[in-house]
Amino acid sequence: MKKLGITLMAAAGMFLFSQNAQAQEEEPEEMEQTEAVEEVQEVKDDFKKLDVLALPQAVKDAVMTDMNGAVAEEAWVKEEDGKNVYKLALNVDGEKKKAYIDSEGNWIEKEDK
């Protein structure tokens, strides 16, 4: 009877170990897929990464006055119809938001796909 109990415990242990090992192997693939999706999105919208400190003063002023308490964490720029358009990743009271603005500080409404 002891041998049967030990055998069952060993089988259960092996089963649990193999499930844990399989789950650990699958996680890196999921991370790689997420990174690939992010890269595709960045290429798709043609925005180029920009240092937040390099934003025009009009953009900085608009963020401070119109988005009270907002902090620009990331910025991207692209030329559209002869004007620079900025995409901003804002932190508004702990909430992440995305906004578009031109170089003169005028907000642009866009739908993210």
PDB file of N, CA and C in Angstrom:
ATOM      1  N   MET A   1       0.814  -1.192   0.000  1.00  0.00           N
ATOM      2  CA  MET A   1       0.000   0.000   0.000  1.00  0.00           C
ATOM      3  C   MET A   1       0.868   1.271   0.000  1.00  0.00           C
ATOM      4  N   LYS A   2       1.983   1.206   0.735  1.00  0.00           N
ATOM      5  CA  LYS A   2       2.897   2.352   0.767  1.00  0.00           C
ATOM      6  C   LYS A   2       3.434   2.658  -0.629  1.00  0.00           C
ATOM      7  N   LYS A   3       3.774   1.597  -1.342  1.00  0.00           N
ATOM      8  CA  LYS A   3       4.340   1.774  -2.683  1.00  0.00           C
ATOM      9  C   LYS A   3       3.333   2.446  -3.614  1.00  0.00           C
ATOM     10  N   LEU A   4       2.064   2.091  -3.493  1.00  0.00           N
ATOM     11  CA  LEU A   4       1.031   2.697  -4.326  1.00  0.00           C
ATOM     12  C   LEU A   4       0.903   4.189  -4.016  1.00  0.00           C
ATOM     13  N   GLY A   5       0.924   4.577  -2.747  1.00  0.00           N
ATOM     14  CA  GLY A   5       0.840   5.983  -2.342  1.00  0.00           C
ATOM     15  C   GLY A   5       2.029   6.777  -2.849  1.00  0.00           C
ATOM     16  N   ILE A   6       3.204   6.211  -2.721  1.00  0.00           N
ATOM     17  CA  ILE A   6       4.422   6.884  -3.187  1.00  0.00           C
ATOM     18  C   ILE A   6       4.394   7.023  -4.706  1.00  0.00           C
ATOM     19  N   THR A   7       3.947   5.985  -5.393  1.00  0.00           N
ATOM     20  CA  THR A   7       3.860   6.035  -6.849  1.00  0.00           C
ATOM     21  C   THR A   7       2.891   7.122  -7.305  1.00  0.00           C
ATOM     22  N   LEU A   8       1.722   7.214  -6.652  1.00  0.00           N
ATOM     23  CA  LEU A   8       0.742   8.247  -6.997  1.00  0.00           C
ATOM     24  C   LEU A   8       1.300   9.647  -6.734  1.00  0.00           C
ATOM     25  N   MET A   9       1.990   9.818  -5.613  1.00  0.00           N
ATOM     26  CA  MET A   9       2.578  11.129  -5.295  1.00  0.00           C
ATOM     27  C   MET A   9       3.649  11.509  -6.319  1.00  0.00           C
ATOM     28  N   ALA A  10       4.456  10.542  -6.714  1.00  0.00           N
ATOM     29  CA  ALA A  10       5.502  10.801  -7.697  1.00  0.00           C
ATOM     30  C   ALA A  10       4.884  11.172  -9.043  1.00  0.00           C
ATOM     31  N   ALA A  11       3.828  10.457  -9.438  1.00  0.00           N
ATOM     32  CA  ALA A  11       3.163  10.750 -10.712  1.00  0.00           C
ATOM     33  C   ALA A  11       2.541  12.147 -10.681  1.00  0.00           C
ATOM     34  N   ALA A  12       1.905  12.501  -9.566  1.00  0.00           N
ATOM     35  CA  ALA A  12       1.299  13.835  -9.449  1.00  0.00           C
ATOM     36  C   ALA A  12       2.377  14.914  -9.492  1.00  0.00           C
ATOM     37  N   GLY A  13       3.500  14.668  -8.823  1.00  0.00           N
ATOM     38  CA  GLY A  13       4.603  15.630  -8.830  1.00  0.00           C
ATOM     39  C   GLY A  13       5.164  15.836 -10.225  1.00  0.00           C
ATOM     40  N   MET A  14       5.314  14.757 -10.959  1.00  0.00           N
ATOM     41  CA  MET A  14       5.829  14.853 -12.328  1.00  0.00           C
ATOM     42  C   MET A  14       4.846  15.607 -13.223  1.00  0.00           C
ATOM     43  N   PHE A  15       3.558  15.355 -13.026  1.00  0.00           N
ATOM     44  CA  PHE A  15       2.544  16.045 -13.811  1.00  0.00           C
ATOM     45  C   PHE A  15       2.597  17.549 -13.555  1.00  0.00           C
ATOM     46  N   LEU A  16       2.649  17.932 -12.280  1.00  0.00           N
ATOM     47  CA  LEU A  16       2.696  19.357 -11.938  1.00  0.00           C
ATOM     48  C   LEU A  16       3.974  20.012 -12.444  1.00  0.00           C
ATOM     49  N   PHE A  17       5.087  19.308 -12.342  1.00  0.00           N
ATOM     50  CA  PHE A  17       6.354  19.855 -12.814  1.00  0.00           C
ATOM     51  C   PHE A  17       6.320  20.070 -14.323  1.00  0.00           C
ATOM     52  N   SER A  18       5.785  19.100 -15.061  1.00  0.00           N
ATOM     53  CA  SER A  18       5.766  19.229 -16.520  1.00  0.00           C
ATOM     54  C   SER A  18       4.849  20.368 -16.958  1.00  0.00           C
ATOM     55  N   GLN A  19       3.730  20.592 -16.269  1.00  0.00           N
ATOM     56  CA  GLN A  19       2.833  21.696 -16.593  1.00  0.00           C
ATOM     57  C   GLN A  19       3.515  23.037 -16.328  1.00  0.00           C
ATOM     58  N   ASN A  20       4.230  23.146 -15.224  1.00  0.00           N
ATOM     59  CA  ASN A  20       4.936  24.379 -14.878  1.00  0.00           C
ATOM     60  C   ASN A  20       6.039  24.665 -15.893  1.00  0.00           C
ATOM     61  N   ALA A  21       6.780  23.640 -16.288  1.00  0.00           N
ATOM     62  CA  ALA A  21       7.855  23.825 -17.260  1.00  0.00           C
ATOM     63  C   ALA A  21       7.289  24.258 -18.611  1.00  0.00           C
ATOM     64  N   GLN A  22       6.160  23.682 -19.002  1.00  0.00           N
ATOM     65  CA  GLN A  22       5.537  24.036 -20.272  1.00  0.00           C
ATOM     66  C   GLN A  22       5.051  25.484 -20.251  1.00  0.00           C
ATOM     67  N   ALA A  23       4.467  25.923 -19.145  1.00  0.00           N
ATOM     68  CA  ALA A  23       3.987  27.299 -19.025  1.00  0.00           C
ATOM     69  C   ALA A  23       5.146  28.281 -19.108  1.00  0.00           C
ATOM     70  N   GLN A  24       6.284  27.940 -18.502  1.00  0.00           N
ATOM     71  CA  GLN A  24       7.439  28.828 -18.543  1.00  0.00           C
ATOM     72  C   GLN A  24       7.997  28.929 -19.954  1.00  0.00           C
ATOM     73  N   GLU A  25       7.922  27.866 -20.735  1.00  0.00           N
ATOM     74  CA  GLU A  25       8.427  27.894 -22.101  1.00  0.00           C
ATOM     75  C   GLU A  25       7.559  28.751 -23.004  1.00  0.00           C
ATOM     76  N   GLU A  26       6.258  28.842 -22.733  1.00  0.00           N
ATOM     77  CA  GLU A  26       5.344  29.576 -23.591  1.00  0.00           C
ATOM     78  C   GLU A  26       5.407  31.083 -23.368  1.00  0.00           C
ATOM     79  N   GLU A  27       5.784  31.551 -22.205  1.00  0.00           N
ATOM     80  CA  GLU A  27       5.778  32.984 -21.906  1.00  0.00           C
ATOM     81  C   GLU A  27       6.678  33.805 -22.815  1.00  0.00           C
ATOM     82  N   PRO A  28       7.932  33.411 -23.101  1.00  0.00           N
ATOM     83  CA  PRO A  28       8.760  34.246 -23.977  1.00  0.00           C
ATOM     84  C   PRO A  28       8.164  34.444 -25.362  1.00  0.00           C
ATOM     85  N   GLU A  29       7.482  33.442 -25.899  1.00  0.00           N
ATOM     86  CA  GLU A  29       6.869  33.587 -27.214  1.00  0.00           C
ATOM     87  C   GLU A  29       5.804  34.680 -27.186  1.00  0.00           C
ATOM     88  N   GLU A  30       5.010  34.715 -26.107  1.00  0.00           N
ATOM     89  CA  GLU A  30       3.973  35.730 -25.991  1.00  0.00           C
ATOM     90  C   GLU A  30       4.596  37.121 -25.942  1.00  0.00           C
ATOM     91  N   MET A  31       5.711  37.266 -25.216  1.00  0.00           N
ATOM     92  CA  MET A  31       6.370  38.562 -25.119  1.00  0.00           C
ATOM     93  C   MET A  31       6.906  38.981 -26.486  1.00  0.00           C
ATOM     94  N   GLU A  32       7.467  38.028 -27.246  1.00  0.00           N
ATOM     95  CA  GLU A  32       8.000  38.346 -28.561  1.00  0.00           C
ATOM     96  C   GLU A  32       6.889  38.816 -29.496  1.00  0.00           C
ATOM     97  N   GLN A  33       5.707  38.187 -29.400  1.00  0.00           N
ATOM     98  CA  GLN A  33       4.585  38.578 -30.235  1.00  0.00           C
ATOM     99  C   GLN A  33       4.134  39.987 -29.895  1.00  0.00           C
ATOM    100  N   THR A  34       4.092  40.338 -28.606  1.00  0.00           N
ATOM    101  CA  THR A  34       3.686  41.672 -28.190  1.00  0.00           C
ATOM    102  C   THR A  34       4.664  42.714 -28.715  1.00  0.00           C
ATOM    103  N   GLU A  35       5.965  42.429 -28.609  1.00  0.00           N
ATOM    104  CA  GLU A  35       6.968  43.366 -29.104  1.00  0.00           C
ATOM    105  C   GLU A  35       6.842  43.543 -30.607  1.00  0.00           C
ATOM    106  N   ALA A  36       6.555  42.464 -31.327  1.00  0.00           N
ATOM    107  CA  ALA A  36       6.412  42.552 -32.779  1.00  0.00           C
ATOM    108  C   ALA A  36       5.211  43.409 -33.148  1.00  0.00           C
ATOM    109  N   VAL A  37       4.114  43.280 -32.420  1.00  0.00           N
ATOM    110  CA  VAL A  37       2.921  44.084 -32.684  1.00  0.00           C
ATOM    111  C   VAL A  37       3.225  45.551 -32.451  1.00  0.00           C
ATOM    112  N   GLU A  38       3.938  45.883 -31.361  1.00  0.00           N
ATOM    113  CA  GLU A  38       4.282  47.278 -31.077  1.00  0.00           C
ATOM    114  C   GLU A  38       5.153  47.851 -32.193  1.00  0.00           C
ATOM    115  N   GLU A  39       6.118  47.061 -32.694  1.00  0.00           N
ATOM    116  CA  GLU A  39       6.977  47.539 -33.762  1.00  0.00           C
ATOM    117  C   GLU A  39       6.169  47.813 -35.027  1.00  0.00           C
ATOM    118  N   VAL A  40       5.238  46.941 -35.351  1.00  0.00           N
ATOM    119  CA  VAL A  40       4.411  47.119 -36.538  1.00  0.00           C
ATOM    120  C   VAL A  40       3.574  48.375 -36.413  1.00  0.00           C
ATOM    121  N   GLN A  41       3.016  48.645 -35.238  1.00  0.00           N
ATOM    122  CA  GLN A  41       2.201  49.836 -35.056  1.00  0.00           C
ATOM    123  C   GLN A  41       3.028  51.096 -35.221  1.00  0.00           C
ATOM    124  N   GLU A  42       4.248  51.098 -34.689  1.00  0.00           N
ATOM    125  CA  GLU A  42       5.091  52.280 -34.824  1.00  0.00           C
ATOM    126  C   GLU A  42       5.440  52.529 -36.293  1.00  0.00           C
ATOM    127  N   VAL A  43       5.734  51.487 -37.043  1.00  0.00           N
ATOM    128  CA  VAL A  43       6.081  51.634 -38.450  1.00  0.00           C
ATOM    129  C   VAL A  43       4.857  52.068 -39.241  1.00  0.00           C
ATOM    130  N   LYS A  44       3.693  51.552 -38.887  1.00  0.00           N
ATOM    131  CA  LYS A  44       2.473  51.822 -39.627  1.00  0.00           C
ATOM    132  C   LYS A  44       2.093  53.298 -39.609  1.00  0.00           C
ATOM    133  N   ASP A  45       2.246  53.977 -38.474  1.00  0.00           N
ATOM    134  CA  ASP A  45       1.792  55.360 -38.401  1.00  0.00           C
ATOM    135  C   ASP A  45       2.892  56.376 -38.738  1.00  0.00           C
ATOM    136  N   ASP A  46       4.086  55.931 -39.063  1.00  0.00           N
ATOM    137  CA  ASP A  46       5.182  56.775 -39.537  1.00  0.00           C
ATOM    138  C   ASP A  46       5.661  57.835 -38.552  1.00  0.00           C
ATOM    139  N   PHE A  47       5.294  57.743 -37.291  1.00  0.00           N
ATOM    140  CA  PHE A  47       5.799  58.680 -36.296  1.00  0.00           C
ATOM    141  C   PHE A  47       7.203  58.256 -35.890  1.00  0.00           C
ATOM    142  N   LYS A  48       8.062  59.256 -35.673  1.00  0.00           N
ATOM    143  CA  LYS A  48       9.428  58.994 -35.223  1.00  0.00           C
ATOM    144  C   LYS A  48       9.553  59.464 -33.782  1.00  0.00           C
ATOM    145  N   LYS A  49      10.234  58.653 -32.975  1.00  0.00           N
ATOM    146  CA  LYS A  49      10.428  58.956 -31.550  1.00  0.00           C
ATOM    147  C   LYS A  49      11.164  60.289 -31.396  1.00  0.00           C
ATOM    148  N   LEU A  50      10.737  61.050 -30.395  1.00  0.00           N
ATOM    149  CA  LEU A  50      11.304  62.373 -30.151  1.00  0.00           C
ATOM    150  C   LEU A  50      11.477  62.550 -28.648  1.00  0.00           C
ATOM    151  N   ASP A  51      12.546  63.194 -28.247  1.00  0.00           N
ATOM    152  CA  ASP A  51      12.742  63.491 -26.832  1.00  0.00           C
ATOM    153  C   ASP A  51      11.706  64.525 -26.396  1.00  0.00           C
ATOM    154  N   VAL A  52      11.090  64.300 -25.254  1.00  0.00           N
ATOM    155  CA  VAL A  52      10.046  65.197 -24.761  1.00  0.00           C
ATOM    156  C   VAL A  52      10.587  66.616 -24.582  1.00  0.00           C
ATOM    157  N   LEU A  53      11.841  66.735 -24.212  1.00  0.00           N
ATOM    158  CA  LEU A  53      12.437  68.057 -24.012  1.00  0.00           C
ATOM    159  C   LEU A  53      12.595  68.822 -25.326  1.00  0.00           C
ATOM    160  N   ALA A  54      12.555  68.109 -26.462  1.00  0.00           N
ATOM    161  CA  ALA A  54      12.725  68.747 -27.768  1.00  0.00           C
ATOM    162  C   ALA A  54      11.404  69.239 -28.353  1.00  0.00           C
ATOM    163  N   LEU A  55      10.310  69.094 -27.627  1.00  0.00           N
ATOM    164  CA  LEU A  55       9.012  69.578 -28.118  1.00  0.00           C
ATOM    165  C   LEU A  55       9.024  71.099 -28.228  1.00  0.00           C
ATOM    166  N   PRO A  56       8.326  71.668 -29.212  1.00  0.00           N
ATOM    167  CA  PRO A  56       8.243  73.126 -29.323  1.00  0.00           C
ATOM    168  C   PRO A  56       7.571  73.732 -28.082  1.00  0.00           C
ATOM    169  N   GLN A  57       7.926  74.948 -27.761  1.00  0.00           N
ATOM    170  CA  GLN A  57       7.388  75.609 -26.571  1.00  0.00           C
ATOM    171  C   GLN A  57       5.863  75.719 -26.630  1.00  0.00           C
ATOM    172  N   ALA A  58       5.310  75.933 -27.808  1.00  0.00           N
ATOM    173  CA  ALA A  58       3.851  76.035 -27.945  1.00  0.00           C
ATOM    174  C   ALA A  58       3.166  74.734 -27.529  1.00  0.00           C
ATOM    175  N   VAL A  59       3.784  73.601 -27.847  1.00  0.00           N
ATOM    176  CA  VAL A  59       3.230  72.299 -27.460  1.00  0.00           C
ATOM    177  C   VAL A  59       3.309  72.129 -25.949  1.00  0.00           C
ATOM    178  N   LYS A  60       4.451  72.458 -25.366  1.00  0.00           N
ATOM    179  CA  LYS A  60       4.618  72.353 -23.911  1.00  0.00           C
ATOM    180  C   LYS A  60       3.607  73.237 -23.185  1.00  0.00           C
ATOM    181  N   ASP A  61       3.420  74.460 -23.688  1.00  0.00           N
ATOM    182  CA  ASP A  61       2.464  75.382 -23.068  1.00  0.00           C
ATOM    183  C   ASP A  61       1.039  74.846 -23.153  1.00  0.00           C
ATOM    184  N   ALA A  62       0.673  74.277 -24.303  1.00  0.00           N
ATOM    185  CA  ALA A  62      -0.677  73.737 -24.479  1.00  0.00           C
ATOM    186  C   ALA A  62      -0.926  72.575 -23.518  1.00  0.00           C
ATOM    187  N   VAL A  63       0.061  71.730 -23.327  1.00  0.00           N
ATOM    188  CA  VAL A  63      -0.090  70.612 -22.388  1.00  0.00           C
ATOM    189  C   VAL A  63      -0.294  71.143 -20.981  1.00  0.00           C
ATOM    190  N   MET A  64       0.490  72.142 -20.601  1.00  0.00           N
ATOM    191  CA  MET A  64       0.390  72.686 -19.237  1.00  0.00           C
ATOM    192  C   MET A  64      -0.941  73.396 -19.006  1.00  0.00           C
ATOM    193  N   THR A  65      -1.435  74.154 -19.990  1.00  0.00           N
ATOM    194  CA  THR A  65      -2.658  74.927 -19.770  1.00  0.00           C
ATOM    195  C   THR A  65      -3.931  74.123 -20.021  1.00  0.00           C
ATOM    196  N   ASP A  66      -3.955  73.328 -21.085  1.00  0.00           N
ATOM    197  CA  ASP A  66      -5.179  72.610 -21.445  1.00  0.00           C
ATOM    198  C   ASP A  66      -5.342  71.286 -20.714  1.00  0.00           C
ATOM    199  N   MET A  67      -4.255  70.650 -20.379  1.00  0.00           N
ATOM    200  CA  MET A  67      -4.285  69.348 -19.701  1.00  0.00           C
ATOM    201  C   MET A  67      -3.726  69.525 -18.293  1.00  0.00           C
ATOM    202  N   ASN A  68      -4.481  70.199 -17.463  1.00  0.00           N
ATOM    203  CA  ASN A  68      -4.031  70.535 -16.113  1.00  0.00           C
ATOM    204  C   ASN A  68      -3.516  69.302 -15.373  1.00  0.00           C
ATOM    205  N   GLY A  69      -2.269  69.353 -14.978  1.00  0.00           N
ATOM    206  CA  GLY A  69      -1.663  68.266 -14.218  1.00  0.00           C
ATOM    207  C   GLY A  69      -1.084  67.158 -15.080  1.00  0.00           C
ATOM    208  N   ALA A  70      -1.117  67.313 -16.388  1.00  0.00           N
ATOM    209  CA  ALA A  70      -0.604  66.274 -17.289  1.00  0.00           C
ATOM    210  C   ALA A  70       0.907  66.381 -17.432  1.00  0.00           C
ATOM    211  N   VAL A  71       1.530  65.224 -17.635  1.00  0.00           N
ATOM    212  CA  VAL A  71       2.968  65.167 -17.873  1.00  0.00           C
ATOM    213  C   VAL A  71       3.179  64.353 -19.151  1.00  0.00           C
ATOM    214  N   ALA A  72       3.909  64.928 -20.098  1.00  0.00           N
ATOM    215  CA  ALA A  72       4.235  64.208 -21.332  1.00  0.00           C
ATOM    216  C   ALA A  72       5.365  63.237 -21.030  1.00  0.00           C
ATOM    217  N   GLU A  73       5.083  61.944 -21.171  1.00  0.00           N
ATOM    218  CA  GLU A  73       6.086  60.920 -20.880  1.00  0.00           C
ATOM    219  C   GLU A  73       6.864  60.494 -22.119  1.00  0.00           C
ATOM    220  N   GLU A  74       6.182  60.488 -23.269  1.00  0.00           N
ATOM    221  CA  GLU A  74       6.828  60.129 -24.526  1.00  0.00           C
ATOM    222  C   GLU A  74       6.277  61.013 -25.632  1.00  0.00           C
ATOM    223  N   ALA A  75       7.064  61.185 -26.688  1.00  0.00           N
ATOM    224  CA  ALA A  75       6.618  62.018 -27.810  1.00  0.00           C
ATOM    225  C   ALA A  75       7.138  61.436 -29.119  1.00  0.00           C
ATOM    226  N   TRP A  76       6.324  61.609 -30.158  1.00  0.00           N
ATOM    227  CA  TRP A  76       6.680  61.204 -31.507  1.00  0.00           C
ATOM    228  C   TRP A  76       6.294  62.336 -32.447  1.00  0.00           C
ATOM    229  N   VAL A  77       6.938  62.400 -33.598  1.00  0.00           N
ATOM    230  CA  VAL A  77       6.643  63.463 -34.564  1.00  0.00           C
ATOM    231  C   VAL A  77       6.601  62.875 -35.969  1.00  0.00           C
ATOM    232  N   LYS A  78       5.750  63.466 -36.819  1.00  0.00           N
ATOM    233  CA  LYS A  78       5.761  63.151 -38.245  1.00  0.00           C
ATOM    234  C   LYS A  78       5.271  64.374 -38.993  1.00  0.00           C
ATOM    235  N   GLU A  79       5.690  64.462 -40.246  1.00  0.00           N
ATOM    236  CA  GLU A  79       5.258  65.577 -41.087  1.00  0.00           C
ATOM    237  C   GLU A  79       3.996  65.157 -41.828  1.00  0.00           C
ATOM    238  N   GLU A  80       2.990  66.007 -41.745  1.00  0.00           N
ATOM    239  CA  GLU A  80       1.706  65.728 -42.385  1.00  0.00           C
ATOM    240  C   GLU A  80       1.205  67.015 -43.027  1.00  0.00           C
ATOM    241  N   ASP A  81       1.019  67.006 -44.330  1.00  0.00           N
ATOM    242  CA  ASP A  81       0.572  68.182 -45.079  1.00  0.00           C
ATOM    243  C   ASP A  81       1.483  69.388 -44.862  1.00  0.00           C
ATOM    244  N   GLY A  82       2.786  69.146 -44.803  1.00  0.00           N
ATOM    245  CA  GLY A  82       3.755  70.225 -44.658  1.00  0.00           C
ATOM    246  C   GLY A  82       3.917  70.755 -43.243  1.00  0.00           C
ATOM    247  N   LYS A  83       3.213  70.171 -42.259  1.00  0.00           N
ATOM    248  CA  LYS A  83       3.316  70.611 -40.864  1.00  0.00           C
ATOM    249  C   LYS A  83       3.697  69.424 -39.986  1.00  0.00           C
ATOM    250  N   ASN A  84       4.375  69.742 -38.895  1.00  0.00           N
ATOM    251  CA  ASN A  84       4.710  68.693 -37.938  1.00  0.00           C
ATOM    252  C   ASN A  84       3.513  68.401 -37.048  1.00  0.00           C
ATOM    253  N   VAL A  85       3.233  67.109 -36.878  1.00  0.00           N
ATOM    254  CA  VAL A  85       2.187  66.643 -35.976  1.00  0.00           C
ATOM    255  C   VAL A  85       2.874  65.821 -34.894  1.00  0.00           C
ATOM    256  N   TYR A  86       2.519  66.079 -33.651  1.00  0.00           N
ATOM    257  CA  TYR A  86       3.128  65.402 -32.521  1.00  0.00           C
ATOM    258  C   TYR A  86       2.121  64.469 -31.874  1.00  0.00           C
ATOM    259  N   LYS A  87       2.577  63.250 -31.579  1.00  0.00           N
ATOM    260  CA  LYS A  87       1.773  62.302 -30.830  1.00  0.00           C
ATOM    261  C   LYS A  87       2.391  62.239 -29.441  1.00  0.00           C
ATOM    262  N   LEU A  88       1.578  62.458 -28.420  1.00  0.00           N
ATOM    263  CA  LEU A  88       2.079  62.500 -27.047  1.00  0.00           C
ATOM    264  C   LEU A  88       1.459  61.389 -26.218  1.00  0.00           C
ATOM    265  N   ALA A  89       2.281  60.762 -25.398  1.00  0.00           N
ATOM    266  CA  ALA A  89       1.796  59.831 -24.385  1.00  0.00           C
ATOM    267  C   ALA A  89       1.785  60.621 -23.084  1.00  0.00           C
ATOM    268  N   LEU A  90       0.582  60.914 -22.601  1.00  0.00           N
ATOM    269  CA  LEU A  90       0.429  61.762 -21.421  1.00  0.00           C
ATOM    270  C   LEU A  90       0.045  60.944 -20.199  1.00  0.00           C
ATOM    271  N   ASN A  91       0.510  61.398 -19.049  1.00  0.00           N
ATOM    272  CA  ASN A  91       0.096  60.839 -17.768  1.00  0.00           C
ATOM    273  C   ASN A  91      -0.728  61.922 -17.088  1.00  0.00           C
ATOM    274  N   VAL A  92      -2.055  61.702 -17.032  1.00  0.00           N
ATOM    275  CA  VAL A  92      -2.959  62.674 -16.430  1.00  0.00           C
ATOM    276  C   VAL A  92      -3.481  62.083 -15.128  1.00  0.00           C
ATOM    277  N   ASP A  93      -2.931  62.541 -14.032  1.00  0.00           N
ATOM    278  CA  ASP A  93      -3.320  62.049 -12.705  1.00  0.00           C
ATOM    279  C   ASP A  93      -3.268  60.533 -12.628  1.00  0.00           C
ATOM    280  N   GLY A  94      -2.207  59.933 -13.140  1.00  0.00           N
ATOM    281  CA  GLY A  94      -2.014  58.489 -13.087  1.00  0.00           C
ATOM    282  C   GLY A  94      -2.689  57.726 -14.205  1.00  0.00           C
ATOM    283  N   GLU A  95      -3.437  58.387 -15.047  1.00  0.00           N
ATOM    284  CA  GLU A  95      -4.123  57.738 -16.162  1.00  0.00           C
ATOM    285  C   GLU A  95      -3.363  58.022 -17.455  1.00  0.00           C
ATOM    286  N   LYS A  96      -3.117  56.988 -18.243  1.00  0.00           N
ATOM    287  CA  LYS A  96      -2.383  57.136 -19.505  1.00  0.00           C
ATOM    288  C   LYS A  96      -3.349  57.563 -20.609  1.00  0.00           C
ATOM    289  N   LYS A  97      -2.952  58.596 -21.357  1.00  0.00           N
ATOM    290  CA  LYS A  97      -3.748  59.071 -22.484  1.00  0.00           C
ATOM    291  C   LYS A  97      -2.828  59.360 -23.657  1.00  0.00           C
ATOM    292  N   LYS A  98      -3.399  59.291 -24.862  1.00  0.00           N
ATOM    293  CA  LYS A  98      -2.656  59.613 -26.074  1.00  0.00           C
ATOM    294  C   LYS A  98      -3.322  60.827 -26.699  1.00  0.00           C
ATOM    295  N   ALA A  99      -2.515  61.799 -27.128  1.00  0.00           N
ATOM    296  CA  ALA A  99      -3.056  63.020 -27.722  1.00  0.00           C
ATOM    297  C   ALA A  99      -2.212  63.423 -28.917  1.00  0.00           C
ATOM    298  N   TYR A 100      -2.862  64.139 -29.839  1.00  0.00           N
ATOM    299  CA  TYR A 100      -2.187  64.642 -31.036  1.00  0.00           C
ATOM    300  C   TYR A 100      -2.292  66.160 -31.044  1.00  0.00           C
ATOM    301  N   ILE A 101      -1.192  66.812 -31.420  1.00  0.00           N
ATOM    302  CA  ILE A 101      -1.137  68.274 -31.395  1.00  0.00           C
ATOM    303  C   ILE A 101      -0.205  68.747 -32.509  1.00  0.00           C
ATOM    304  N   ASP A 102      -0.471  69.937 -33.047  1.00  0.00           N
ATOM    305  CA  ASP A 102       0.435  70.459 -34.081  1.00  0.00           C
ATOM    306  C   ASP A 102       1.503  71.329 -33.423  1.00  0.00           C
ATOM    307  N   SER A 103       2.435  71.829 -34.214  1.00  0.00           N
ATOM    308  CA  SER A 103       3.575  72.572 -33.678  1.00  0.00           C
ATOM    309  C   SER A 103       3.188  73.934 -33.110  1.00  0.00           C
ATOM    310  N   GLU A 104       1.960  74.390 -33.408  1.00  0.00           N
ATOM    311  CA  GLU A 104       1.495  75.676 -32.896  1.00  0.00           C
ATOM    312  C   GLU A 104       0.678  75.535 -31.613  1.00  0.00           C
ATOM    313  N   GLY A 105       0.512  74.291 -31.133  1.00  0.00           N
ATOM    314  CA  GLY A 105      -0.223  74.067 -29.891  1.00  0.00           C
ATOM    315  C   GLY A 105      -1.705  73.822 -30.076  1.00  0.00           C
ATOM    316  N   ASN A 106      -2.142  73.523 -31.303  1.00  0.00           N
ATOM    317  CA  ASN A 106      -3.549  73.231 -31.577  1.00  0.00           C
ATOM    318  C   ASN A 106      -3.776  71.724 -31.487  1.00  0.00           C
ATOM    319  N   TRP A 107      -4.758  71.314 -30.674  1.00  0.00           N
ATOM    320  CA  TRP A 107      -5.057  69.897 -30.496  1.00  0.00           C
ATOM    321  C   TRP A 107      -5.732  69.340 -31.735  1.00  0.00           C
ATOM    322  N   ILE A 108      -5.373  68.106 -32.077  1.00  0.00           N
ATOM    323  CA  ILE A 108      -5.931  67.425 -33.255  1.00  0.00           C
ATOM    324  C   ILE A 108      -6.664  66.183 -32.745  1.00  0.00           C
ATOM    325  N   GLU A 109      -7.882  65.996 -33.211  1.00  0.00           N
ATOM    326  CA  GLU A 109      -8.636  64.812 -32.823  1.00  0.00           C
ATOM    327  C   GLU A 109      -8.368  63.710 -33.828  1.00  0.00           C
ATOM    328  N   LYS A 110      -7.961  62.547 -33.320  1.00  0.00           N
ATOM    329  CA  LYS A 110      -7.724  61.395 -34.167  1.00  0.00           C
ATOM    330  C   LYS A 110      -8.225  60.167 -33.437  1.00  0.00           C
ATOM    331  N   GLU A 111      -8.650  59.188 -34.202  1.00  0.00           N
ATOM    332  CA  GLU A 111      -9.063  57.920 -33.633  1.00  0.00           C
ATOM    333  C   GLU A 111      -7.908  56.947 -33.774  1.00  0.00           C
ATOM    334  N   ASP A 112      -7.538  56.301 -32.647  1.00  0.00           N
ATOM    335  CA  ASP A 112      -6.513  55.274 -32.719  1.00  0.00           C
ATOM    336  C   ASP A 112      -7.148  53.972 -33.154  1.00  0.00           C
ATOM    337  N   LYS A 113      -6.488  53.311 -34.070  1.00  0.00           N
ATOM    338  CA  LYS A 113      -7.015  52.025 -34.567  1.00  0.00           C
ATOM    339  C   LYS A 113      -6.315  50.900 -33.903  1.00  0.00           C
TER     340      LYS A 113
END
